[in-house]
Amino acid sequence: MAGERSTNTPASQGASQALDQFKYEVANELGAQLGGDRTSRENGSVGGQMTKRMIQFAEENLKKGTRI
């Protein structure tokens, strides 16, 4: 519903700030403006790109044997 807060909670303490910063960095790189007045497609593209990059990061670290 419109205006409801997300109930998602980060797995690590302090991750919320880092994810917020990451979200705005990705949006800036994509040239997207985030907000309630934007389309679902525009806001969703930022989340999709974030997911893609986080998976890529995890895969690279798994190959190296680095524990995240």
N, C-alpha and C. Protein backbone atom coordinates (compact mmCIF):
# COMPACT_ATOMS: atom_id res chain seq x y z
N MET A 1 0.83 -1.18 0.00
CA MET A 1 0.00 0.00 0.00
C MET A 1 0.88 1.25 0.00
N ALA A 2 0.39 2.28 -0.60
CA ALA A 2 1.13 3.54 -0.69
C ALA A 2 1.39 4.11 0.69
N GLY A 3 2.61 4.59 0.88
CA GLY A 3 2.96 5.23 2.12
C GLY A 3 3.38 4.30 3.25
N GLU A 4 3.29 2.98 3.05
CA GLU A 4 3.69 2.04 4.09
C GLU A 4 5.19 1.91 4.12
N ARG A 5 5.75 1.72 5.30
CA ARG A 5 7.19 1.54 5.46
C ARG A 5 7.54 0.07 5.20
N SER A 6 8.72 -0.14 4.70
CA SER A 6 9.20 -1.50 4.44
C SER A 6 9.46 -2.21 5.76
N THR A 7 9.15 -3.48 5.81
CA THR A 7 9.42 -4.29 7.00
C THR A 7 10.69 -5.11 6.83
N ASN A 8 11.39 -4.93 5.71
CA ASN A 8 12.64 -5.64 5.49
C ASN A 8 13.69 -5.13 6.47
N THR A 9 14.43 -6.04 7.06
CA THR A 9 15.49 -5.65 7.97
C THR A 9 16.80 -6.23 7.47
N PRO A 10 17.86 -5.41 7.45
CA PRO A 10 19.16 -5.90 7.00
C PRO A 10 19.69 -7.00 7.91
N ALA A 11 20.48 -7.89 7.35
CA ALA A 11 21.03 -9.01 8.11
C ALA A 11 22.12 -8.57 9.08
N SER A 12 22.79 -7.46 8.78
CA SER A 12 23.87 -6.98 9.63
C SER A 12 23.55 -5.59 10.16
N GLN A 13 23.93 -5.35 11.38
CA GLN A 13 23.72 -4.04 11.98
C GLN A 13 24.56 -3.01 11.23
N GLY A 14 23.98 -1.88 10.90
CA GLY A 14 24.68 -0.84 10.18
C GLY A 14 24.59 -0.99 8.67
N ALA A 15 24.04 -2.09 8.20
CA ALA A 15 23.97 -2.32 6.75
C ALA A 15 22.95 -1.39 6.10
N SER A 16 21.98 -0.94 6.85
CA SER A 16 20.93 -0.09 6.29
C SER A 16 21.51 1.19 5.68
N GLN A 17 22.44 1.83 6.40
CA GLN A 17 23.06 3.05 5.88
C GLN A 17 23.87 2.76 4.62
N ALA A 18 24.61 1.67 4.64
CA ALA A 18 25.44 1.33 3.48
C ALA A 18 24.56 1.02 2.27
N LEU A 19 23.45 0.32 2.49
CA LEU A 19 22.54 0.01 1.38
C LEU A 19 21.88 1.26 0.83
N ASP A 20 21.54 2.19 1.70
CA ASP A 20 20.95 3.45 1.26
C ASP A 20 21.95 4.22 0.39
N GLN A 21 23.20 4.29 0.85
CA GLN A 21 24.23 4.98 0.09
C GLN A 21 24.44 4.30 -1.26
N PHE A 22 24.48 2.99 -1.26
CA PHE A 22 24.65 2.21 -2.47
C PHE A 22 23.50 2.48 -3.44
N LYS A 23 22.29 2.54 -2.91
CA LYS A 23 21.10 2.79 -3.73
C LYS A 23 21.22 4.12 -4.47
N TYR A 24 21.64 5.17 -3.77
CA TYR A 24 21.75 6.47 -4.41
C TYR A 24 22.93 6.55 -5.37
N GLU A 25 24.00 5.81 -5.09
CA GLU A 25 25.13 5.74 -6.03
C GLU A 25 24.69 5.09 -7.35
N VAL A 26 23.96 3.98 -7.24
CA VAL A 26 23.48 3.28 -8.43
C VAL A 26 22.50 4.17 -9.20
N ALA A 27 21.59 4.81 -8.49
CA ALA A 27 20.62 5.69 -9.14
C ALA A 27 21.34 6.81 -9.89
N ASN A 28 22.37 7.37 -9.27
CA ASN A 28 23.13 8.43 -9.91
C ASN A 28 23.82 7.94 -11.18
N GLU A 29 24.41 6.74 -11.10
CA GLU A 29 25.08 6.17 -12.27
C GLU A 29 24.10 5.89 -13.40
N LEU A 30 22.87 5.50 -13.05
CA LEU A 30 21.85 5.21 -14.06
C LEU A 30 21.15 6.48 -14.55
N GLY A 31 21.38 7.59 -13.86
CA GLY A 31 20.70 8.83 -14.21
C GLY A 31 19.25 8.83 -13.79
N ALA A 32 18.93 8.03 -12.76
CA ALA A 32 17.55 7.91 -12.28
C ALA A 32 17.35 8.78 -11.05
N GLN A 33 16.17 9.33 -10.92
CA GLN A 33 15.78 10.06 -9.73
C GLN A 33 14.82 9.18 -8.96
N LEU A 34 15.12 8.91 -7.70
CA LEU A 34 14.27 8.06 -6.88
C LEU A 34 13.17 8.88 -6.23
N GLY A 35 12.04 8.26 -6.02
CA GLY A 35 10.97 8.94 -5.29
C GLY A 35 9.61 8.39 -5.63
N GLY A 36 8.64 8.79 -4.82
CA GLY A 36 7.27 8.34 -4.99
C GLY A 36 6.60 8.85 -6.23
N ASP A 37 7.14 9.93 -6.79
CA ASP A 37 6.56 10.49 -8.00
C ASP A 37 7.16 9.89 -9.27
N ARG A 38 8.05 8.91 -9.10
CA ARG A 38 8.67 8.25 -10.25
C ARG A 38 7.96 6.94 -10.54
N THR A 39 8.19 6.43 -11.73
CA THR A 39 7.51 5.19 -12.13
C THR A 39 8.13 3.98 -11.42
N SER A 40 7.34 2.92 -11.33
CA SER A 40 7.83 1.68 -10.75
C SER A 40 9.02 1.16 -11.55
N ARG A 41 8.96 1.34 -12.83
CA ARG A 41 10.06 0.87 -13.69
C ARG A 41 11.35 1.60 -13.37
N GLU A 42 11.27 2.92 -13.18
CA GLU A 42 12.47 3.70 -12.89
C GLU A 42 13.03 3.34 -11.52
N ASN A 43 12.19 3.31 -10.50
CA ASN A 43 12.64 2.93 -9.16
C ASN A 43 13.10 1.48 -9.13
N GLY A 44 12.40 0.60 -9.81
CA GLY A 44 12.74 -0.81 -9.83
C GLY A 44 14.04 -1.11 -10.55
N SER A 45 14.37 -0.30 -11.54
CA SER A 45 15.63 -0.53 -12.26
C SER A 45 16.82 -0.33 -11.34
N VAL A 46 16.69 0.57 -10.38
CA VAL A 46 17.77 0.79 -9.42
C VAL A 46 17.92 -0.45 -8.54
N GLY A 47 16.82 -0.96 -8.01
CA GLY A 47 16.87 -2.16 -7.18
C GLY A 47 17.41 -3.36 -7.95
N GLY A 48 17.02 -3.50 -9.20
CA GLY A 48 17.51 -4.59 -10.03
C GLY A 48 19.01 -4.51 -10.26
N GLN A 49 19.50 -3.30 -10.51
CA GLN A 49 20.92 -3.10 -10.73
C GLN A 49 21.71 -3.35 -9.44
N MET A 50 21.13 -2.94 -8.30
CA MET A 50 21.78 -3.21 -7.01
C MET A 50 21.93 -4.71 -6.79
N THR A 51 20.87 -5.46 -7.04
CA THR A 51 20.88 -6.91 -6.87
C THR A 51 21.92 -7.55 -7.78
N LYS A 52 21.94 -7.11 -9.02
CA LYS A 52 22.90 -7.65 -9.99
C LYS A 52 24.34 -7.43 -9.50
N ARG A 53 24.62 -6.24 -9.00
CA ARG A 53 25.99 -5.93 -8.54
C ARG A 53 26.35 -6.69 -7.28
N MET A 54 25.38 -6.84 -6.37
CA MET A 54 25.66 -7.58 -5.14
C MET A 54 25.93 -9.06 -5.43
N ILE A 55 25.19 -9.64 -6.37
CA ILE A 55 25.41 -11.03 -6.75
C ILE A 55 26.77 -11.18 -7.41
N GLN A 56 27.12 -10.24 -8.28
CA GLN A 56 28.42 -10.28 -8.94
C GLN A 56 29.54 -10.20 -7.91
N PHE A 57 29.39 -9.31 -6.93
CA PHE A 57 30.38 -9.17 -5.86
C PHE A 57 30.53 -10.48 -5.09
N ALA A 58 29.42 -11.09 -4.74
CA ALA A 58 29.46 -12.35 -3.98
C ALA A 58 30.10 -13.46 -4.79
N GLU A 59 29.76 -13.56 -6.07
CA GLU A 59 30.34 -14.60 -6.93
C GLU A 59 31.85 -14.44 -7.06
N GLU A 60 32.30 -13.20 -7.22
CA GLU A 60 33.74 -12.95 -7.33
C GLU A 60 34.47 -13.36 -6.05
N ASN A 61 33.87 -13.06 -4.91
CA ASN A 61 34.49 -13.42 -3.64
C ASN A 61 34.45 -14.92 -3.39
N LEU A 62 33.41 -15.59 -3.86
CA LEU A 62 33.37 -17.04 -3.73
C LEU A 62 34.47 -17.70 -4.56
N LYS A 63 34.71 -17.16 -5.75
CA LYS A 63 35.77 -17.69 -6.61
C LYS A 63 37.13 -17.54 -5.94
N LYS A 64 37.33 -16.40 -5.27
CA LYS A 64 38.61 -16.13 -4.61
C LYS A 64 38.74 -16.88 -3.28
N GLY A 65 37.64 -17.41 -2.80
CA GLY A 65 37.65 -18.07 -1.51
C GLY A 65 37.56 -17.10 -0.35
N THR A 66 37.23 -15.84 -0.66
CA THR A 66 37.11 -14.81 0.37
C THR A 66 35.76 -14.92 1.04
N ARG A 67 35.77 -14.88 2.34
CA ARG A 67 34.51 -14.91 3.09
C ARG A 67 34.00 -13.49 3.23
N ILE A 68 32.75 -13.30 2.89
CA ILE A 68 32.15 -11.96 2.92
C ILE A 68 31.66 -11.65 4.31
